[in-house]
Amino acid sequence: MYTIGLASIVLLTGYSGQVSLGNGALMAVGGYSAALTLSNFSVPVWVAFLVAIAAASIFGAILGYAAARLSGPYLAGTTLALAVGMPALANQFEFLGGEQGIIFDIGMPPARFGEEFTLYKWYFWIAALTALIALYFTSNVLYSRFGRTWRAVRGNALAAELAGVNAGRTKVLAFTVSSALAGLAGAVLAMTISLVSPSAFSLALSFSLVTGAVLAGISSLPGVMLGAVILVAIPEIADVVAHRLGDSENVTTYLPSLIVSVLLILSVIFTPNGPGENLRKHRKKHA
């Protein structure tokens, strides 16, 4: 899930130059769309994933069109408001399950895999295969003419327009593709926790994704694996610290957010492009 979510930020911010703090909200769109599809129709999980991609793409296209003229802190502020408001909005609608959310049930794994193939293994292989497909797709897009156009607009929008590039349309396309990836990540997250609820897509999730992308290298797609590992490790570190402090509930609850905040601040101060990106440049320089 983190791998796909980080890839969406790398595409949008690292290549297109648009800063978004609302990927958690876009993940919520995908997660709820997939959950509603599964709860109302007897379809395979991959169909629910496709619905999540489509719903998030449409939502992202509308948002991208509305924010096409915004940049920098104005765009970041707009997407931040979306990340804050989406969980509260989901609480207000009964068909979205309110605060309790919606069960995300994909059923048991096929019997042909044997009794030892548990549900958790089934989740793992679905998530891993989905992540690989998403990374392959993203890599191909970034190294296509679309990726080159995004980099041109990020570098100098005026020069790109003089060369015949429609900067506004290019930004909307980047927002749409990034939203599709975020929606898929939200559906995968919903599958792994078997539930879609407002608390699963909090503002903390959006900040965690931004931190992971910065640490991995904001323009480094291969680095998203490193960022995902870091984000998965942070709660485990918090659990260890909490255990040593006597299983403090406050430590377990708040320490992960504190670690994420400190890592983001240190990274922005000392390595603005991210430690992963700096390491890549260092290796390339001495190759």
Protein backbone atom coordinates (compact mmCIF):
# COMPACT_ATOMS: atom_id res chain seq x y z
CA MET A 1 0.00 0.00 0.00
CA TYR A 2 2.73 2.47 0.99
CA THR A 3 4.69 1.65 -2.16
CA ILE A 4 1.79 2.62 -4.42
CA GLY A 5 0.91 5.69 -2.35
CA LEU A 6 4.51 6.93 -2.44
CA ALA A 7 4.66 6.35 -6.20
CA SER A 8 1.66 8.67 -6.59
CA ILE A 9 3.50 11.44 -4.72
CA VAL A 10 6.73 10.92 -6.67
CA LEU A 11 4.78 11.28 -9.91
CA LEU A 12 2.85 14.37 -8.82
CA THR A 13 5.49 16.26 -6.84
CA GLY A 14 8.80 14.88 -8.05
CA TYR A 15 7.99 14.92 -11.76
CA SER A 16 5.09 17.36 -12.16
CA GLY A 17 6.18 19.79 -9.45
CA GLN A 18 2.77 19.98 -7.74
CA VAL A 19 2.86 19.74 -3.95
CA SER A 20 -0.06 17.79 -2.52
CA LEU A 21 -0.85 17.06 1.12
CA GLY A 22 -4.15 15.40 0.35
CA ASN A 23 -3.21 11.94 -0.88
CA GLY A 24 -4.85 10.40 2.16
CA ALA A 25 -8.19 11.82 1.01
CA LEU A 26 -7.69 10.43 -2.50
CA MET A 27 -6.90 7.06 -0.95
CA ALA A 28 -10.18 7.33 0.95
CA VAL A 29 -12.05 7.82 -2.33
CA GLY A 30 -10.49 4.63 -3.69
CA GLY A 31 -11.00 2.66 -0.50
CA TYR A 32 -14.67 3.57 -0.11
CA SER A 33 -15.38 3.01 -3.82
CA ALA A 34 -13.87 -0.47 -3.70
CA ALA A 35 -15.65 -1.35 -0.45
CA LEU A 36 -19.04 -0.21 -1.77
CA THR A 37 -18.47 -2.24 -4.93
CA LEU A 38 -17.69 -5.41 -2.98
CA SER A 39 -20.57 -4.95 -0.53
CA ASN A 40 -23.19 -4.35 -3.23
CA PHE A 41 -22.00 -6.59 -6.05
CA SER A 42 -20.51 -10.08 -6.18
CA VAL A 43 -17.35 -9.19 -8.08
CA PRO A 44 -13.69 -10.25 -7.80
CA VAL A 45 -11.36 -8.01 -5.85
CA TRP A 46 -9.56 -6.86 -8.99
CA VAL A 47 -12.83 -5.39 -10.29
CA ALA A 48 -13.16 -3.44 -7.03
CA PHE A 49 -9.60 -2.20 -7.53
CA LEU A 50 -10.48 -1.00 -11.04
CA VAL A 51 -13.52 0.83 -9.67
CA ALA A 52 -11.27 2.46 -7.05
CA ILE A 53 -8.88 3.61 -9.78
CA ALA A 54 -11.71 5.01 -11.90
CA ALA A 55 -13.40 6.83 -9.01
CA ALA A 56 -10.16 8.36 -7.73
CA SER A 57 -9.17 9.36 -11.28
CA ILE A 58 -12.42 11.24 -11.81
CA PHE A 59 -12.15 12.90 -8.41
CA GLY A 60 -8.51 13.80 -9.09
CA ALA A 61 -9.30 15.20 -12.53
CA ILE A 62 -11.95 17.50 -11.05
CA LEU A 63 -9.61 18.56 -8.25
CA GLY A 64 -6.71 19.00 -10.68
CA TYR A 65 -8.81 21.15 -12.98
CA ALA A 66 -9.93 23.32 -10.07
CA ALA A 67 -6.36 23.66 -8.77
CA ALA A 68 -4.61 24.00 -12.15
CA ARG A 69 -3.93 27.69 -11.57
CA LEU A 70 -2.61 27.11 -8.05
CA SER A 71 0.96 26.32 -7.11
CA GLY A 72 3.27 26.19 -4.12
CA PRO A 73 1.67 26.85 -0.72
CA TYR A 74 -1.73 27.63 -2.27
CA LEU A 75 -2.00 24.18 -3.83
CA ALA A 76 -0.61 22.55 -0.69
CA GLY A 77 -3.16 24.40 1.44
CA THR A 78 -6.04 23.36 -0.81
CA THR A 79 -5.11 19.69 -0.70
CA LEU A 80 -4.45 19.92 3.04
CA ALA A 81 -8.01 21.16 3.55
CA LEU A 82 -9.22 18.17 1.54
CA ALA A 83 -7.25 15.77 3.74
CA VAL A 84 -8.71 17.35 6.88
CA GLY A 85 -12.28 17.48 5.60
CA MET A 86 -12.63 14.07 3.94
CA PRO A 87 -12.78 11.93 7.14
CA ALA A 88 -15.31 14.33 8.68
CA LEU A 89 -17.38 14.24 5.50
CA ALA A 90 -17.39 10.43 5.44
CA ASN A 91 -18.81 10.44 8.98
CA GLN A 92 -21.92 12.26 7.81
CA PHE A 93 -23.21 9.70 5.32
CA GLU A 94 -24.96 6.55 6.48
CA PHE A 95 -24.26 4.63 3.26
CA LEU A 96 -20.54 5.10 3.97
CA GLY A 97 -20.92 3.42 7.34
CA GLY A 98 -20.38 6.54 9.43
CA GLU A 99 -17.67 6.29 12.06
CA GLN A 100 -17.78 2.47 12.01
CA GLY A 101 -17.04 2.29 8.28
CA ILE A 102 -17.67 -0.53 5.82
CA ILE A 103 -16.38 -4.09 5.96
CA PHE A 104 -13.99 -4.90 3.11
CA ASP A 105 -14.40 -8.63 2.53
CA ILE A 106 -12.73 -10.31 -0.45
CA GLY A 107 -13.57 -13.82 0.72
CA MET A 108 -11.29 -16.76 1.43
CA PRO A 109 -8.40 -17.71 -0.87
CA PRO A 110 -9.10 -20.28 -3.61
CA ALA A 111 -9.13 -23.87 -2.32
CA ARG A 112 -6.60 -24.93 -4.98
CA PHE A 113 -3.85 -23.17 -3.01
CA GLY A 114 -4.29 -25.59 -0.11
CA GLU A 115 -5.22 -25.26 3.55
CA GLU A 116 -1.85 -23.79 4.53
CA PHE A 117 -2.43 -20.81 2.25
CA THR A 118 -3.93 -18.49 4.87
CA LEU A 119 -5.96 -15.35 4.33
CA TYR A 120 -2.97 -13.21 5.32
CA LYS A 121 -0.84 -14.86 2.63
CA TRP A 122 -3.66 -14.19 0.17
CA TYR A 123 -3.64 -10.53 1.16
CA PHE A 124 0.14 -10.38 0.83
CA TRP A 125 0.27 -11.82 -2.67
CA ILE A 126 -2.56 -9.63 -3.91
CA ALA A 127 -0.93 -6.52 -2.46
CA ALA A 128 2.54 -7.46 -3.74
CA LEU A 129 1.32 -8.21 -7.26
CA THR A 130 -0.73 -5.00 -7.32
CA ALA A 131 2.29 -2.97 -6.18
CA LEU A 132 4.53 -4.50 -8.86
CA ILE A 133 1.98 -3.77 -11.59
CA ALA A 134 1.52 -0.20 -10.31
CA LEU A 135 5.28 0.43 -10.22
CA TYR A 136 5.72 -1.02 -13.72
CA PHE A 137 2.93 1.21 -15.02
CA THR A 138 4.29 4.29 -13.25
CA SER A 139 7.82 3.68 -14.51
CA ASN A 140 6.61 3.42 -18.09
CA VAL A 141 4.56 6.61 -17.77
CA LEU A 142 7.40 8.59 -16.20
CA TYR A 143 9.85 7.62 -18.93
CA SER A 144 7.35 8.28 -21.72
CA ARG A 145 6.62 11.59 -23.41
CA PHE A 146 4.16 12.34 -20.61
CA GLY A 147 6.94 12.17 -18.04
CA ARG A 148 9.17 14.38 -20.15
CA THR A 149 6.36 16.91 -20.51
CA TRP A 150 5.76 16.93 -16.75
CA ARG A 151 9.45 17.55 -16.09
CA ALA A 152 9.47 20.37 -18.63
CA VAL A 153 6.51 22.09 -16.95
CA ARG A 154 8.06 21.56 -13.52
CA GLY A 155 11.34 23.11 -14.68
CA ASN A 156 9.87 26.16 -16.42
CA ALA A 157 6.17 26.32 -17.22
CA LEU A 158 6.53 29.45 -19.38
CA ALA A 159 9.29 27.94 -21.51
CA ALA A 160 7.27 24.73 -21.88
CA GLU A 161 4.24 26.70 -23.10
CA LEU A 162 6.42 28.56 -25.61
CA ALA A 163 7.47 25.14 -26.89
CA GLY A 164 3.83 24.21 -27.46
CA VAL A 165 3.02 22.44 -24.19
CA ASN A 166 -0.34 23.16 -22.55
CA ALA A 167 0.83 23.55 -18.95
CA GLY A 168 -2.66 23.54 -17.44
CA ARG A 169 -3.72 20.37 -19.23
CA THR A 170 -0.41 18.74 -18.34
CA LYS A 171 -0.91 19.47 -14.63
CA VAL A 172 -4.46 18.10 -14.70
CA LEU A 173 -3.24 14.89 -16.35
CA ALA A 174 -0.54 14.46 -13.70
CA PHE A 175 -3.11 15.00 -10.95
CA THR A 176 -5.42 12.45 -12.56
CA VAL A 177 -2.78 9.72 -12.89
CA SER A 178 -1.45 10.39 -9.39
CA SER A 179 -5.00 10.21 -8.00
CA ALA A 180 -5.55 6.87 -9.75
CA LEU A 181 -2.49 5.45 -7.98
CA ALA A 182 -3.62 6.91 -4.66
CA GLY A 183 -7.07 5.38 -5.12
CA LEU A 184 -5.53 1.99 -5.79
CA ALA A 185 -3.37 2.37 -2.68
CA GLY A 186 -6.49 3.14 -0.66
CA ALA A 187 -8.22 0.01 -1.93
CA VAL A 188 -5.19 -2.12 -1.03
CA LEU A 189 -5.08 -0.55 2.44
CA ALA A 190 -8.77 -1.30 2.93
CA MET A 191 -8.17 -4.91 1.90
CA THR A 192 -5.29 -5.41 4.33
CA ILE A 193 -7.24 -4.08 7.33
CA SER A 194 -10.58 -5.53 6.09
CA LEU A 195 -12.30 -2.24 6.82
CA VAL A 196 -12.85 1.23 5.37
CA SER A 197 -13.43 3.92 7.99
CA PRO A 198 -12.65 7.64 8.37
CA SER A 199 -9.93 6.92 10.94
CA ALA A 200 -7.99 4.83 8.41
CA PHE A 201 -7.52 7.86 6.15
CA SER A 202 -6.60 10.54 8.65
CA LEU A 203 -4.40 13.58 8.12
CA ALA A 204 -1.55 11.61 9.70
CA LEU A 205 -1.63 9.21 6.74
CA SER A 206 -1.14 12.09 4.28
CA PHE A 207 1.81 13.43 6.27
CA SER A 208 3.32 9.94 6.55
CA LEU A 209 3.19 9.52 2.78
CA VAL A 210 4.85 12.89 2.20
CA THR A 211 7.57 12.01 4.71
CA GLY A 212 8.18 8.63 3.09
CA ALA A 213 8.42 10.22 -0.35
CA VAL A 214 10.89 12.85 0.87
CA LEU A 215 13.06 10.27 2.63
CA ALA A 216 13.04 8.02 -0.43
CA GLY A 217 13.88 10.87 -2.79
CA ILE A 218 11.01 12.95 -4.09
CA SER A 219 11.93 12.24 -7.71
CA SER A 220 13.17 8.68 -7.26
CA LEU A 221 10.68 5.98 -8.17
CA PRO A 222 12.97 3.08 -7.09
CA GLY A 223 13.30 4.80 -3.72
CA VAL A 224 9.63 4.26 -2.87
CA MET A 225 10.54 0.78 -1.65
CA LEU A 226 12.89 2.34 0.92
CA GLY A 227 10.24 4.84 1.93
CA ALA A 228 7.67 2.07 2.36
CA VAL A 229 10.05 0.07 4.58
CA ILE A 230 10.64 3.13 6.76
CA LEU A 231 6.92 3.81 7.18
CA VAL A 232 6.24 0.17 8.07
CA ALA A 233 9.14 0.15 10.56
CA ILE A 234 8.07 3.29 12.46
CA PRO A 235 5.04 1.72 14.28
CA GLU A 236 7.19 -1.31 15.15
CA ILE A 237 9.82 0.98 16.68
CA ALA A 238 7.09 2.75 18.64
CA ASP A 239 5.82 -0.59 19.97
CA VAL A 240 9.32 -1.55 21.15
CA VAL A 241 9.80 1.79 22.91
CA ALA A 242 6.34 1.57 24.48
CA HIS A 243 7.10 -1.94 25.75
CA ARG A 244 10.32 -0.74 27.38
CA LEU A 245 8.41 2.09 29.03
CA GLY A 246 5.84 -0.29 30.46
CA ASP A 247 3.41 -0.60 27.55
CA SER A 248 2.41 3.05 27.69
CA GLU A 249 -0.69 3.61 25.55
CA ASN A 250 0.20 7.26 24.98
CA VAL A 251 3.62 6.33 23.62
CA THR A 252 2.14 3.75 21.26
CA THR A 253 -0.46 6.25 20.04
CA TYR A 254 1.60 9.40 19.59
CA LEU A 255 5.20 8.29 19.09
CA PRO A 256 4.77 7.21 15.41
CA SER A 257 3.46 10.67 14.48
CA LEU A 258 6.30 12.30 16.40
CA ILE A 259 8.90 10.17 14.61
CA VAL A 260 7.36 11.00 11.22
CA SER A 261 7.37 14.72 12.03
CA VAL A 262 10.99 14.71 13.21
CA LEU A 263 12.17 12.75 10.16
CA LEU A 264 10.37 15.14 7.81
CA ILE A 265 11.83 18.23 9.50
CA LEU A 266 15.38 16.83 9.55
CA SER A 267 15.14 15.72 5.95
CA VAL A 268 13.88 19.11 4.74
CA ILE A 269 16.63 20.93 6.65
CA PHE A 270 19.61 18.75 5.80
CA THR A 271 18.64 16.89 2.62
CA PRO A 272 15.85 18.76 0.79
CA ASN A 273 15.84 16.23 -2.04
CA GLY A 274 15.75 13.34 0.40
CA PRO A 275 18.53 11.04 1.66
CA GLY A 276 17.70 8.48 -1.01
CA GLU A 277 18.09 11.01 -3.82
CA ASN A 278 21.36 12.34 -2.38
CA LEU A 279 22.75 8.81 -2.10
CA ARG A 280 21.79 8.10 -5.71
CA LYS A 281 23.53 11.26 -6.93
CA HIS A 282 26.61 10.43 -4.85
CA ARG A 283 26.85 6.95 -6.38
CA LYS A 284 26.34 8.35 -9.88
CA LYS A 285 29.07 10.95 -9.31
CA HIS A 286 31.61 8.35 -8.20
CA ALA A 287 30.62 5.70 -10.72
